[in-house]
PDB file of N, CA and C in Angstrom:
ATOM      1  N   MET A   1      -2.464   5.558 -23.125  1.00  0.00           N
ATOM      2  CA  MET A   1      -3.244   4.897 -22.100  1.00  0.00           C
ATOM      3  C   MET A   1      -2.349   3.986 -21.277  1.00  0.00           C
ATOM      4  N   THR A   2      -2.394   4.163 -19.970  1.00  0.00           N
ATOM      5  CA  THR A   2      -1.619   3.294 -19.113  1.00  0.00           C
ATOM      6  C   THR A   2      -2.459   2.094 -18.693  1.00  0.00           C
ATOM      7  N   LYS A   3      -1.789   0.982 -18.621  1.00  0.00           N
ATOM      8  CA  LYS A   3      -2.465  -0.246 -18.225  1.00  0.00           C
ATOM      9  C   LYS A   3      -2.398  -0.387 -16.711  1.00  0.00           C
ATOM     10  N   VAL A   4      -3.499  -0.725 -16.097  1.00  0.00           N
ATOM     11  CA  VAL A   4      -3.554  -0.912 -14.651  1.00  0.00           C
ATOM     12  C   VAL A   4      -3.018  -2.302 -14.326  1.00  0.00           C
ATOM     13  N   PRO A   5      -2.041  -2.389 -13.405  1.00  0.00           N
ATOM     14  CA  PRO A   5      -1.506  -3.702 -13.048  1.00  0.00           C
ATOM     15  C   PRO A   5      -2.571  -4.555 -12.351  1.00  0.00           C
ATOM     16  N   THR A   6      -2.426  -5.854 -12.480  1.00  0.00           N
ATOM     17  CA  THR A   6      -3.367  -6.770 -11.843  1.00  0.00           C
ATOM     18  C   THR A   6      -3.137  -6.791 -10.338  1.00  0.00           C
ATOM     19  N   LYS A   7      -4.108  -7.318  -9.632  1.00  0.00           N
ATOM     20  CA  LYS A   7      -3.993  -7.451  -8.178  1.00  0.00           C
ATOM     21  C   LYS A   7      -2.790  -8.331  -7.831  1.00  0.00           C
ATOM     22  N   GLU A   8      -2.588  -9.397  -8.579  1.00  0.00           N
ATOM     23  CA  GLU A   8      -1.469 -10.307  -8.309  1.00  0.00           C
ATOM     24  C   GLU A   8      -0.125  -9.625  -8.542  1.00  0.00           C
ATOM     25  N   THR A   9      -0.043  -8.790  -9.567  1.00  0.00           N
ATOM     26  CA  THR A   9       1.191  -8.040  -9.830  1.00  0.00           C
ATOM     27  C   THR A   9       1.477  -7.081  -8.677  1.00  0.00           C
ATOM     28  N   ILE A  10       0.451  -6.394  -8.219  1.00  0.00           N
ATOM     29  CA  ILE A  10       0.606  -5.471  -7.096  1.00  0.00           C
ATOM     30  C   ILE A  10       1.038  -6.237  -5.850  1.00  0.00           C
ATOM     31  N   LYS A  11       0.423  -7.382  -5.611  1.00  0.00           N
ATOM     32  CA  LYS A  11       0.772  -8.196  -4.442  1.00  0.00           C
ATOM     33  C   LYS A  11       2.225  -8.662  -4.524  1.00  0.00           C
ATOM     34  N   ARG A  12       2.631  -9.142  -5.666  1.00  0.00           N
ATOM     35  CA  ARG A  12       4.005  -9.626  -5.844  1.00  0.00           C
ATOM     36  C   ARG A  12       5.017  -8.500  -5.628  1.00  0.00           C
ATOM     37  N   ARG A  13       4.740  -7.338  -6.205  1.00  0.00           N
ATOM     38  CA  ARG A  13       5.639  -6.187  -6.043  1.00  0.00           C
ATOM     39  C   ARG A  13       5.679  -5.705  -4.594  1.00  0.00           C
ATOM     40  N   THR A  14       4.538  -5.738  -3.925  1.00  0.00           N
ATOM     41  CA  THR A  14       4.475  -5.324  -2.524  1.00  0.00           C
ATOM     42  C   THR A  14       5.323  -6.240  -1.660  1.00  0.00           C
ATOM     43  N   ILE A  15       5.206  -7.540  -1.876  1.00  0.00           N
ATOM     44  CA  ILE A  15       6.007  -8.500  -1.116  1.00  0.00           C
ATOM     45  C   ILE A  15       7.489  -8.302  -1.410  1.00  0.00           C
ATOM     46  N   GLU A  16       7.836  -8.064  -2.669  1.00  0.00           N
ATOM     47  CA  GLU A  16       9.247  -7.797  -3.020  1.00  0.00           C
ATOM     48  C   GLU A  16       9.747  -6.550  -2.301  1.00  0.00           C
ATOM     49  N   ASP A  17       8.931  -5.496  -2.286  1.00  0.00           N
ATOM     50  CA  ASP A  17       9.314  -4.259  -1.597  1.00  0.00           C
ATOM     51  C   ASP A  17       9.501  -4.510  -0.105  1.00  0.00           C
ATOM     52  N   MET A  18       8.592  -5.265   0.491  1.00  0.00           N
ATOM     53  CA  MET A  18       8.696  -5.552   1.924  1.00  0.00           C
ATOM     54  C   MET A  18       9.943  -6.373   2.229  1.00  0.00           C
ATOM     55  N   LYS A  19      10.255  -7.326   1.362  1.00  0.00           N
ATOM     56  CA  LYS A  19      11.464  -8.124   1.564  1.00  0.00           C
ATOM     57  C   LYS A  19      12.708  -7.246   1.456  1.00  0.00           C
ATOM     58  N   THR A  20      12.711  -6.340   0.491  1.00  0.00           N
ATOM     59  CA  THR A  20      13.834  -5.426   0.331  1.00  0.00           C
ATOM     60  C   THR A  20      14.015  -4.562   1.580  1.00  0.00           C
ATOM     61  N   LEU A  21      12.913  -4.135   2.170  1.00  0.00           N
ATOM     62  CA  LEU A  21      12.962  -3.307   3.369  1.00  0.00           C
ATOM     63  C   LEU A  21      13.223  -4.133   4.633  1.00  0.00           C
ATOM     64  N   GLY A  22      13.128  -5.451   4.517  1.00  0.00           N
ATOM     65  CA  GLY A  22      13.367  -6.326   5.662  1.00  0.00           C
ATOM     66  C   GLY A  22      12.198  -6.416   6.623  1.00  0.00           C
ATOM     67  N   VAL A  23      10.973  -6.190   6.129  1.00  0.00           N
ATOM     68  CA  VAL A  23       9.807  -6.204   7.009  1.00  0.00           C
ATOM     69  C   VAL A  23       8.779  -7.276   6.635  1.00  0.00           C
ATOM     70  N   HIS A  24       9.089  -8.139   5.696  1.00  0.00           N
ATOM     71  CA  HIS A  24       8.111  -9.139   5.257  1.00  0.00           C
ATOM     72  C   HIS A  24       8.201 -10.412   6.078  1.00  0.00           C
ATOM     73  N   LYS A  25       7.034 -10.928   6.417  1.00  0.00           N
ATOM     74  CA  LYS A  25       6.883 -12.255   7.007  1.00  0.00           C
ATOM     75  C   LYS A  25       5.695 -12.891   6.300  1.00  0.00           C
ATOM     76  N   PRO A  26       5.731 -14.190   6.067  1.00  0.00           N
ATOM     77  CA  PRO A  26       4.612 -14.846   5.368  1.00  0.00           C
ATOM     78  C   PRO A  26       3.264 -14.644   6.068  1.00  0.00           C
ATOM     79  N   GLN A  27       3.286 -14.462   7.369  1.00  0.00           N
ATOM     80  CA  GLN A  27       2.040 -14.266   8.112  1.00  0.00           C
ATOM     81  C   GLN A  27       1.328 -12.974   7.709  1.00  0.00           C
ATOM     82  N   TYR A  28       2.026 -12.051   7.091  1.00  0.00           N
ATOM     83  CA  TYR A  28       1.434 -10.784   6.676  1.00  0.00           C
ATOM     84  C   TYR A  28       0.728 -10.869   5.318  1.00  0.00           C
ATOM     85  N   ASN A  29       0.815 -12.008   4.662  1.00  0.00           N
ATOM     86  CA  ASN A  29       0.309 -12.100   3.284  1.00  0.00           C
ATOM     87  C   ASN A  29      -1.186 -11.835   3.156  1.00  0.00           C
ATOM     88  N   ARG A  30      -1.980 -12.136   4.194  1.00  0.00           N
ATOM     89  CA  ARG A  30      -3.414 -11.824   4.119  1.00  0.00           C
ATOM     90  C   ARG A  30      -3.634 -10.316   4.093  1.00  0.00           C
ATOM     91  N   VAL A  31      -2.853  -9.599   4.891  1.00  0.00           N
ATOM     92  CA  VAL A  31      -2.964  -8.138   4.900  1.00  0.00           C
ATOM     93  C   VAL A  31      -2.458  -7.579   3.571  1.00  0.00           C
ATOM     94  N   VAL A  32      -1.387  -8.172   3.048  1.00  0.00           N
ATOM     95  CA  VAL A  32      -0.857  -7.756   1.744  1.00  0.00           C
ATOM     96  C   VAL A  32      -1.915  -7.973   0.669  1.00  0.00           C
ATOM     97  N   ASP A  33      -2.652  -9.066   0.774  1.00  0.00           N
ATOM     98  CA  ASP A  33      -3.710  -9.364  -0.193  1.00  0.00           C
ATOM     99  C   ASP A  33      -4.795  -8.284  -0.157  1.00  0.00           C
ATOM    100  N   LEU A  34      -5.212  -7.892   1.032  1.00  0.00           N
ATOM    101  CA  LEU A  34      -6.213  -6.824   1.159  1.00  0.00           C
ATOM    102  C   LEU A  34      -5.678  -5.503   0.627  1.00  0.00           C
ATOM    103  N   TYR A  35      -4.438  -5.186   0.963  1.00  0.00           N
ATOM    104  CA  TYR A  35      -3.793  -3.970   0.486  1.00  0.00           C
ATOM    105  C   TYR A  35      -3.740  -3.961  -1.045  1.00  0.00           C
ATOM    106  N   SER A  36      -3.375  -5.088  -1.629  1.00  0.00           N
ATOM    107  CA  SER A  36      -3.277  -5.191  -3.088  1.00  0.00           C
ATOM    108  C   SER A  36      -4.633  -4.974  -3.756  1.00  0.00           C
ATOM    109  N   GLU A  37      -5.672  -5.514  -3.144  1.00  0.00           N
ATOM    110  CA  GLU A  37      -7.027  -5.322  -3.675  1.00  0.00           C
ATOM    111  C   GLU A  37      -7.414  -3.848  -3.637  1.00  0.00           C
ATOM    112  N   LEU A  38      -7.116  -3.170  -2.536  1.00  0.00           N
ATOM    113  CA  LEU A  38      -7.433  -1.741  -2.425  1.00  0.00           C
ATOM    114  C   LEU A  38      -6.672  -0.910  -3.456  1.00  0.00           C
ATOM    115  N   VAL A  39      -5.392  -1.204  -3.616  1.00  0.00           N
ATOM    116  CA  VAL A  39      -4.582  -0.471  -4.600  1.00  0.00           C
ATOM    117  C   VAL A  39      -5.124  -0.719  -6.005  1.00  0.00           C
ATOM    118  N   HIS A  40      -5.473  -1.959  -6.300  1.00  0.00           N
ATOM    119  CA  HIS A  40      -6.019  -2.289  -7.627  1.00  0.00           C
ATOM    120  C   HIS A  40      -7.329  -1.525  -7.873  1.00  0.00           C
ATOM    121  N   GLN A  41      -8.218  -1.533  -6.882  1.00  0.00           N
ATOM    122  CA  GLN A  41      -9.477  -0.797  -7.016  1.00  0.00           C
ATOM    123  C   GLN A  41      -9.217   0.689  -7.230  1.00  0.00           C
ATOM    124  N   PHE A  42      -8.292   1.241  -6.454  1.00  0.00           N
ATOM    125  CA  PHE A  42      -7.966   2.662  -6.583  1.00  0.00           C
ATOM    126  C   PHE A  42      -7.461   2.977  -7.988  1.00  0.00           C
ATOM    127  N   LEU A  43      -6.537   2.162  -8.495  1.00  0.00           N
ATOM    128  CA  LEU A  43      -5.976   2.411  -9.827  1.00  0.00           C
ATOM    129  C   LEU A  43      -7.040   2.285 -10.917  1.00  0.00           C
ATOM    130  N   MET A  44      -7.930   1.297 -10.781  1.00  0.00           N
ATOM    131  CA  MET A  44      -9.008   1.126 -11.769  1.00  0.00           C
ATOM    132  C   MET A  44      -9.949   2.333 -11.753  1.00  0.00           C
ATOM    133  N   LEU A  45     -10.365   2.746 -10.563  1.00  0.00           N
ATOM    134  CA  LEU A  45     -11.276   3.896 -10.464  1.00  0.00           C
ATOM    135  C   LEU A  45     -10.595   5.186 -10.906  1.00  0.00           C
ATOM    136  N   ASN A  46      -9.326   5.334 -10.584  1.00  0.00           N
ATOM    137  CA  ASN A  46      -8.604   6.528 -10.995  1.00  0.00           C
ATOM    138  C   ASN A  46      -8.501   6.607 -12.514  1.00  0.00           C
ATOM    139  N   LYS A  47      -8.291   5.451 -13.152  1.00  0.00           N
ATOM    140  CA  LYS A  47      -8.246   5.409 -14.621  1.00  0.00           C
ATOM    141  C   LYS A  47      -9.612   5.784 -15.199  1.00  0.00           C
ATOM    142  N   LYS A  48     -10.675   5.248 -14.603  1.00  0.00           N
ATOM    143  CA  LYS A  48     -12.029   5.577 -15.061  1.00  0.00           C
ATOM    144  C   LYS A  48     -12.290   7.077 -14.889  1.00  0.00           C
ATOM    145  N   PHE A  49     -11.878   7.626 -13.748  1.00  0.00           N
ATOM    146  CA  PHE A  49     -12.030   9.050 -13.470  1.00  0.00           C
ATOM    147  C   PHE A  49     -11.298   9.885 -14.516  1.00  0.00           C
ATOM    148  N   GLU A  50     -10.097   9.459 -14.860  1.00  0.00           N
ATOM    149  CA  GLU A  50      -9.308  10.139 -15.894  1.00  0.00           C
ATOM    150  C   GLU A  50      -9.987  10.032 -17.258  1.00  0.00           C
ATOM    151  N   ASP A  51     -10.420   8.816 -17.611  1.00  0.00           N
ATOM    152  CA  ASP A  51     -11.059   8.588 -18.911  1.00  0.00           C
ATOM    153  C   ASP A  51     -12.341   9.404 -19.086  1.00  0.00           C
ATOM    154  N   GLU A  52     -13.023   9.653 -17.968  1.00  0.00           N
ATOM    155  CA  GLU A  52     -14.278  10.417 -18.023  1.00  0.00           C
ATOM    156  C   GLU A  52     -14.059  11.920 -17.899  1.00  0.00           C
ATOM    157  N   GLY A  53     -12.790  12.333 -17.971  1.00  0.00           N
ATOM    158  CA  GLY A  53     -12.499  13.767 -17.982  1.00  0.00           C
ATOM    159  C   GLY A  53     -12.474  14.434 -16.622  1.00  0.00           C
ATOM    160  N   TYR A  54     -12.213  13.671 -15.568  1.00  0.00           N
ATOM    161  CA  TYR A  54     -12.107  14.218 -14.212  1.00  0.00           C
ATOM    162  C   TYR A  54     -13.357  14.989 -13.791  1.00  0.00           C
ATOM    163  N   GLU A  55     -14.506  14.389 -14.002  1.00  0.00           N
ATOM    164  CA  GLU A  55     -15.775  15.004 -13.585  1.00  0.00           C
ATOM    165  C   GLU A  55     -15.877  14.884 -12.062  1.00  0.00           C
ATOM    166  N   TYR A  56     -15.490  15.945 -11.355  1.00  0.00           N
ATOM    167  CA  TYR A  56     -15.436  15.895  -9.898  1.00  0.00           C
ATOM    168  C   TYR A  56     -16.709  16.370  -9.214  1.00  0.00           C
ATOM    169  N   GLU A  57     -17.655  16.889  -9.997  1.00  0.00           N
ATOM    170  CA  GLU A  57     -18.936  17.322  -9.430  1.00  0.00           C
ATOM    171  C   GLU A  57     -20.079  16.653 -10.170  1.00  0.00           C
ATOM    172  N   SER A  58     -21.114  16.368  -9.429  1.00  0.00           N
ATOM    173  CA  SER A  58     -22.359  15.919 -10.054  1.00  0.00           C
ATOM    174  C   SER A  58     -23.457  16.852  -9.553  1.00  0.00           C
ATOM    175  N   TYR A  59     -24.522  16.897 -10.275  1.00  0.00           N
ATOM    176  CA  TYR A  59     -25.586  17.851  -9.950  1.00  0.00           C
ATOM    177  C   TYR A  59     -26.785  17.121  -9.374  1.00  0.00           C
ATOM    178  N   THR A  60     -27.355  17.720  -8.367  1.00  0.00           N
ATOM    179  CA  THR A  60     -28.516  17.146  -7.695  1.00  0.00           C
ATOM    180  C   THR A  60     -29.784  17.502  -8.467  1.00  0.00           C
ATOM    181  N   ALA A  61     -30.870  16.852  -8.080  1.00  0.00           N
ATOM    182  CA  ALA A  61     -32.158  17.137  -8.718  1.00  0.00           C
ATOM    183  C   ALA A  61     -32.590  18.577  -8.471  1.00  0.00           C
ATOM    184  N   ALA A  62     -32.142  19.143  -7.363  1.00  0.00           N
ATOM    185  CA  ALA A  62     -32.496  20.522  -7.037  1.00  0.00           C
ATOM    186  C   ALA A  62     -31.631  21.533  -7.792  1.00  0.00           C
ATOM    187  N   GLY A  63     -30.658  21.046  -8.556  1.00  0.00           N
ATOM    188  CA  GLY A  63     -29.829  21.936  -9.356  1.00  0.00           C
ATOM    189  C   GLY A  63     -28.513  22.313  -8.704  1.00  0.00           C
ATOM    190  N   GLY A  64     -28.271  21.858  -7.499  1.00  0.00           N
ATOM    191  CA  GLY A  64     -27.011  22.150  -6.824  1.00  0.00           C
ATOM    192  C   GLY A  64     -25.924  21.166  -7.228  1.00  0.00           C
ATOM    193  N   ALA A  65     -24.689  21.522  -6.924  1.00  0.00           N
ATOM    194  CA  ALA A  65     -23.556  20.646  -7.237  1.00  0.00           C
ATOM    195  C   ALA A  65     -23.070  19.967  -5.959  1.00  0.00           C
ATOM    196  N   LYS A  66     -22.632  18.736  -6.101  1.00  0.00           N
ATOM    197  CA  LYS A  66     -22.018  18.025  -4.984  1.00  0.00           C
ATOM    198  C   LYS A  66     -20.853  17.201  -5.518  1.00  0.00           C
ATOM    199  N   LYS A  67     -20.041  16.716  -4.613  1.00  0.00           N
ATOM    200  CA  LYS A  67     -18.884  15.912  -4.989  1.00  0.00           C
ATOM    201  C   LYS A  67     -19.358  14.638  -5.693  1.00  0.00           C
ATOM    202  N   ALA A  68     -18.731  14.323  -6.814  1.00  0.00           N
ATOM    203  CA  ALA A  68     -19.102  13.121  -7.554  1.00  0.00           C
ATOM    204  C   ALA A  68     -18.805  11.874  -6.713  1.00  0.00           C
ATOM    205  N   PRO A  69     -19.652  10.861  -6.800  1.00  0.00           N
ATOM    206  CA  PRO A  69     -19.437   9.647  -6.012  1.00  0.00           C
ATOM    207  C   PRO A  69     -18.062   9.008  -6.242  1.00  0.00           C
ATOM    208  N   ILE A  70     -17.549   9.078  -7.455  1.00  0.00           N
ATOM    209  CA  ILE A  70     -16.255   8.464  -7.729  1.00  0.00           C
ATOM    210  C   ILE A  70     -15.143   9.182  -6.956  1.00  0.00           C
ATOM    211  N   VAL A  71     -15.274  10.494  -6.764  1.00  0.00           N
ATOM    212  CA  VAL A  71     -14.284  11.261  -6.013  1.00  0.00           C
ATOM    213  C   VAL A  71     -14.309  10.837  -4.549  1.00  0.00           C
ATOM    214  N   ALA A  72     -15.480  10.689  -3.984  1.00  0.00           N
ATOM    215  CA  ALA A  72     -15.612  10.255  -2.592  1.00  0.00           C
ATOM    216  C   ALA A  72     -15.027   8.853  -2.412  1.00  0.00           C
ATOM    217  N   THR A  73     -15.268   7.984  -3.367  1.00  0.00           N
ATOM    218  CA  THR A  73     -14.734   6.625  -3.298  1.00  0.00           C
ATOM    219  C   THR A  73     -13.214   6.639  -3.385  1.00  0.00           C
ATOM    220  N   LEU A  74     -12.666   7.431  -4.300  1.00  0.00           N
ATOM    221  CA  LEU A  74     -11.207   7.537  -4.426  1.00  0.00           C
ATOM    222  C   LEU A  74     -10.580   8.067  -3.135  1.00  0.00           C
ATOM    223  N   GLU A  75     -11.210   9.058  -2.523  1.00  0.00           N
ATOM    224  CA  GLU A  75     -10.702   9.601  -1.266  1.00  0.00           C
ATOM    225  C   GLU A  75     -10.704   8.542  -0.162  1.00  0.00           C
ATOM    226  N   SER A  76     -11.767   7.792  -0.092  1.00  0.00           N
ATOM    227  CA  SER A  76     -11.880   6.735   0.916  1.00  0.00           C
ATOM    228  C   SER A  76     -10.822   5.650   0.696  1.00  0.00           C
ATOM    229  N   LEU A  77     -10.666   5.238  -0.551  1.00  0.00           N
ATOM    230  CA  LEU A  77      -9.647   4.231  -0.864  1.00  0.00           C
ATOM    231  C   LEU A  77      -8.251   4.747  -0.548  1.00  0.00           C
ATOM    232  N   ARG A  78      -7.991   5.999  -0.848  1.00  0.00           N
ATOM    233  CA  ARG A  78      -6.680   6.594  -0.564  1.00  0.00           C
ATOM    234  C   ARG A  78      -6.374   6.528   0.923  1.00  0.00           C
ATOM    235  N   LYS A  79      -7.353   6.843   1.757  1.00  0.00           N
ATOM    236  CA  LYS A  79      -7.164   6.782   3.213  1.00  0.00           C
ATOM    237  C   LYS A  79      -6.923   5.344   3.676  1.00  0.00           C
ATOM    238  N   ASP A  80      -7.683   4.411   3.131  1.00  0.00           N
ATOM    239  CA  ASP A  80      -7.505   3.000   3.497  1.00  0.00           C
ATOM    240  C   ASP A  80      -6.132   2.490   3.071  1.00  0.00           C
ATOM    241  N   ILE A  81      -5.704   2.858   1.877  1.00  0.00           N
ATOM    242  CA  ILE A  81      -4.391   2.428   1.380  1.00  0.00           C
ATOM    243  C   ILE A  81      -3.290   2.978   2.275  1.00  0.00           C
ATOM    244  N   LEU A  82      -3.420   4.220   2.691  1.00  0.00           N
ATOM    245  CA  LEU A  82      -2.427   4.811   3.583  1.00  0.00           C
ATOM    246  C   LEU A  82      -2.370   4.056   4.911  1.00  0.00           C
ATOM    247  N   ALA A  83      -3.525   3.703   5.453  1.00  0.00           N
ATOM    248  CA  ALA A  83      -3.559   2.957   6.716  1.00  0.00           C
ATOM    249  C   ALA A  83      -2.889   1.591   6.565  1.00  0.00           C
ATOM    250  N   TYR A  84      -3.190   0.891   5.480  1.00  0.00           N
ATOM    251  CA  TYR A  84      -2.574  -0.419   5.247  1.00  0.00           C
ATOM    252  C   TYR A  84      -1.075  -0.281   4.988  1.00  0.00           C
ATOM    253  N   SER A  85      -0.672   0.737   4.245  1.00  0.00           N
ATOM    254  CA  SER A  85       0.760   0.907   3.968  1.00  0.00           C
ATOM    255  C   SER A  85       1.517   1.202   5.256  1.00  0.00           C
ATOM    256  N   ASP A  86       0.879   1.891   6.206  1.00  0.00           N
ATOM    257  CA  ASP A  86       1.491   2.097   7.516  1.00  0.00           C
ATOM    258  C   ASP A  86       1.697   0.762   8.223  1.00  0.00           C
ATOM    259  N   ARG A  87       0.688  -0.060   8.233  1.00  0.00           N
ATOM    260  CA  ARG A  87       0.768  -1.359   8.912  1.00  0.00           C
ATOM    261  C   ARG A  87       1.819  -2.273   8.285  1.00  0.00           C
ATOM    262  N   LEU A  88       1.986  -2.142   6.973  1.00  0.00           N
ATOM    263  CA  LEU A  88       2.950  -3.000   6.264  1.00  0.00           C
ATOM    264  C   LEU A  88       4.341  -2.363   6.183  1.00  0.00           C
ATOM    265  N   CYS A  89       4.507  -1.197   6.801  1.00  0.00           N
ATOM    266  CA  CYS A  89       5.791  -0.467   6.829  1.00  0.00           C
ATOM    267  C   CYS A  89       6.290  -0.140   5.429  1.00  0.00           C
ATOM    268  N   LEU A  90       5.389   0.323   4.585  1.00  0.00           N
ATOM    269  CA  LEU A  90       5.730   0.638   3.205  1.00  0.00           C
ATOM    270  C   LEU A  90       5.924   2.123   2.955  1.00  0.00           C
ATOM    271  N   ASN A  91       5.918   2.915   3.999  1.00  0.00           N
ATOM    272  CA  ASN A  91       6.213   4.333   3.814  1.00  0.00           C
ATOM    273  C   ASN A  91       7.286   4.748   4.816  1.00  0.00           C
ATOM    274  N   PRO A  92       8.016   5.809   4.528  1.00  0.00           N
ATOM    275  CA  PRO A  92       9.161   6.183   5.362  1.00  0.00           C
ATOM    276  C   PRO A  92       8.822   6.422   6.834  1.00  0.00           C
ATOM    277  N   LYS A  93       7.710   7.055   7.116  1.00  0.00           N
ATOM    278  CA  LYS A  93       7.362   7.368   8.506  1.00  0.00           C
ATOM    279  C   LYS A  93       7.120   6.101   9.316  1.00  0.00           C
ATOM    280  N   SER A  94       6.385   5.148   8.770  1.00  0.00           N
ATOM    281  CA  SER A  94       6.110   3.925   9.517  1.00  0.00           C
ATOM    282  C   SER A  94       7.352   3.050   9.628  1.00  0.00           C
ATOM    283  N   LEU A  95       8.223   3.102   8.636  1.00  0.00           N
ATOM    284  CA  LEU A  95       9.444   2.301   8.666  1.00  0.00           C
ATOM    285  C   LEU A  95      10.385   2.778   9.764  1.00  0.00           C
ATOM    286  N   GLU A  96      10.322   4.073  10.097  1.00  0.00           N
ATOM    287  CA  GLU A  96      11.164   4.612  11.166  1.00  0.00           C
ATOM    288  C   GLU A  96      10.825   4.019  12.526  1.00  0.00           C
ATOM    289  N   THR A  97       9.596   3.541  12.692  1.00  0.00           N
ATOM    290  CA  THR A  97       9.136   3.073  14.001  1.00  0.00           C
ATOM    291  C   THR A  97       9.373   1.590  14.243  1.00  0.00           C
ATOM    292  N   VAL A  98       9.912   0.861  13.282  1.00  0.00           N
ATOM    293  CA  VAL A  98      10.133  -0.576  13.466  1.00  0.00           C
ATOM    294  C   VAL A  98      11.619  -0.893  13.471  1.00  0.00           C
ATOM    295  N   THR A  99      11.934  -1.999  14.113  1.00  0.00           N
ATOM    296  CA  THR A  99      13.299  -2.507  14.095  1.00  0.00           C
ATOM    297  C   THR A  99      13.320  -3.636  13.080  1.00  0.00           C
ATOM    298  N   VAL A 100      14.111  -3.472  12.054  1.00  0.00           N
ATOM    299  CA  VAL A 100      14.180  -4.454  10.980  1.00  0.00           C
ATOM    300  C   VAL A 100      15.091  -5.598  11.405  1.00  0.00           C
ATOM    301  N   GLU A 101      14.603  -6.835  11.216  1.00  0.00           N
ATOM    302  CA  GLU A 101      15.412  -8.004  11.537  1.00  0.00           C
ATOM    303  C   GLU A 101      16.495  -8.179  10.490  1.00  0.00           C
ATOM    304  N   GLN A 102      17.697  -8.421  10.962  1.00  0.00           N
ATOM    305  CA  GLN A 102      18.821  -8.632  10.050  1.00  0.00           C
ATOM    306  C   GLN A 102      18.887 -10.108   9.664  1.00  0.00           C
ATOM    307  N   GLN A 103      19.308 -10.369   8.436  1.00  0.00           N
ATOM    308  CA  GLN A 103      19.401 -11.745   7.950  1.00  0.00           C
ATOM    309  C   GLN A 103      20.473 -12.530   8.705  1.00  0.00           C
ATOM    310  N   GLY A 104      21.623 -11.923   8.911  1.00  0.00           N
ATOM    311  CA  GLY A 104      22.705 -12.601   9.616  1.00  0.00           C
ATOM    312  C   GLY A 104      23.208 -11.717  10.722  1.00  0.00           C
ATOM    313  N   LYS A 105      24.002 -12.304  11.594  1.00  0.00           N
ATOM    314  CA  LYS A 105      24.553 -11.520  12.690  1.00  0.00           C
ATOM    315  C   LYS A 105      25.700 -10.663  12.184  1.00  0.00           C
ATOM    316  N   SER A 106      25.874  -9.518  12.818  1.00  0.00           N
ATOM    317  CA  SER A 106      27.031  -8.700  12.502  1.00  0.00           C
ATOM    318  C   SER A 106      28.271  -9.395  13.065  1.00  0.00           C
ATOM    319  N   VAL A 107      29.421  -8.961  12.641  1.00  0.00           N
ATOM    320  CA  VAL A 107      30.661  -9.553  13.123  1.00  0.00           C
ATOM    321  C   VAL A 107      30.763  -9.376  14.633  1.00  0.00           C
ATOM    322  N   LEU A 108      30.389  -8.211  15.118  1.00  0.00           N
ATOM    323  CA  LEU A 108      30.449  -7.949  16.556  1.00  0.00           C
ATOM    324  C   LEU A 108      29.478  -8.845  17.314  1.00  0.00           C
ATOM    325  N   ALA A 109      28.241  -8.969  16.828  1.00  0.00           N
ATOM    326  CA  ALA A 109      27.254  -9.809  17.490  1.00  0.00           C
ATOM    327  C   ALA A 109      27.695 -11.267  17.510  1.00  0.00           C
ATOM    328  N   ALA A 110      28.263 -11.742  16.420  1.00  0.00           N
ATOM    329  CA  ALA A 110      28.746 -13.116  16.370  1.00  0.00           C
ATOM    330  C   ALA A 110      29.881 -13.335  17.354  1.00  0.00           C
ATOM    331  N   ALA A 111      30.801 -12.360  17.466  1.00  0.00           N
ATOM    332  CA  ALA A 111      31.927 -12.477  18.405  1.00  0.00           C
ATOM    333  C   ALA A 111      31.409 -12.477  19.834  1.00  0.00           C
ATOM    334  N   LEU A 112      30.473 -11.608  20.158  1.00  0.00           N
ATOM    335  CA  LEU A 112      29.943 -11.548  21.500  1.00  0.00           C
ATOM    336  C   LEU A 112      29.177 -12.816  21.886  1.00  0.00           C
ATOM    337  N   SER A 113      28.403 -13.344  20.952  1.00  0.00           N
ATOM    338  CA  SER A 113      27.660 -14.554  21.265  1.00  0.00           C
ATOM    339  C   SER A 113      28.581 -15.759  21.411  1.00  0.00           C
ATOM    340  N   SER A 114      29.698 -15.777  20.690  1.00  0.00           N
ATOM    341  CA  SER A 114      30.645 -16.901  20.826  1.00  0.00           C
ATOM    342  C   SER A 114      31.369 -16.831  22.158  1.00  0.00           C
ATOM    343  N   MET A 115      31.494 -15.635  22.749  1.00  0.00           N
ATOM    344  CA  MET A 115      32.140 -15.490  24.055  1.00  0.00           C
ATOM    345  C   MET A 115      31.260 -16.066  25.167  1.00  0.00           C
ATOM    346  N   ASN A 116      29.952 -16.079  24.952  1.00  0.00           N
ATOM    347  CA  ASN A 116      29.013 -16.569  25.969  1.00  0.00           C
ATOM    348  C   ASN A 116      28.874 -18.088  25.928  1.00  0.00           C
ATOM    349  N   GLU A 117      29.412 -18.721  24.943  1.00  0.00           N
ATOM    350  CA  GLU A 117      29.257 -20.179  24.796  1.00  0.00           C
ATOM    351  C   GLU A 117      30.269 -20.941  25.576  1.00  0.00           C
TER     352      GLU A 117
END
């Protein structure tokens, strides 16, 4: 049995990942908080889905089969998580579209800026 990480653990790891990628700013922490909540919910529901034997269909009163509510919820959460991960630049495609701020100036940039002084 795998243990589902807490929302705070997910948030902390997300911020660490964003810092590593050079895309974190403290102003994004509210969005990170929402993202962490969605990921936590997804992991909890996915574990429940697994524990219940992956019951992906439920039966209607008329005897027909339809998608189980937990499957629909997981699909919705997956889409939301993808949208948030795009906004937070946590996937390769979205990271390609941003310019990452560098911590310090390159040697060339420092030399050029000193020439203008």
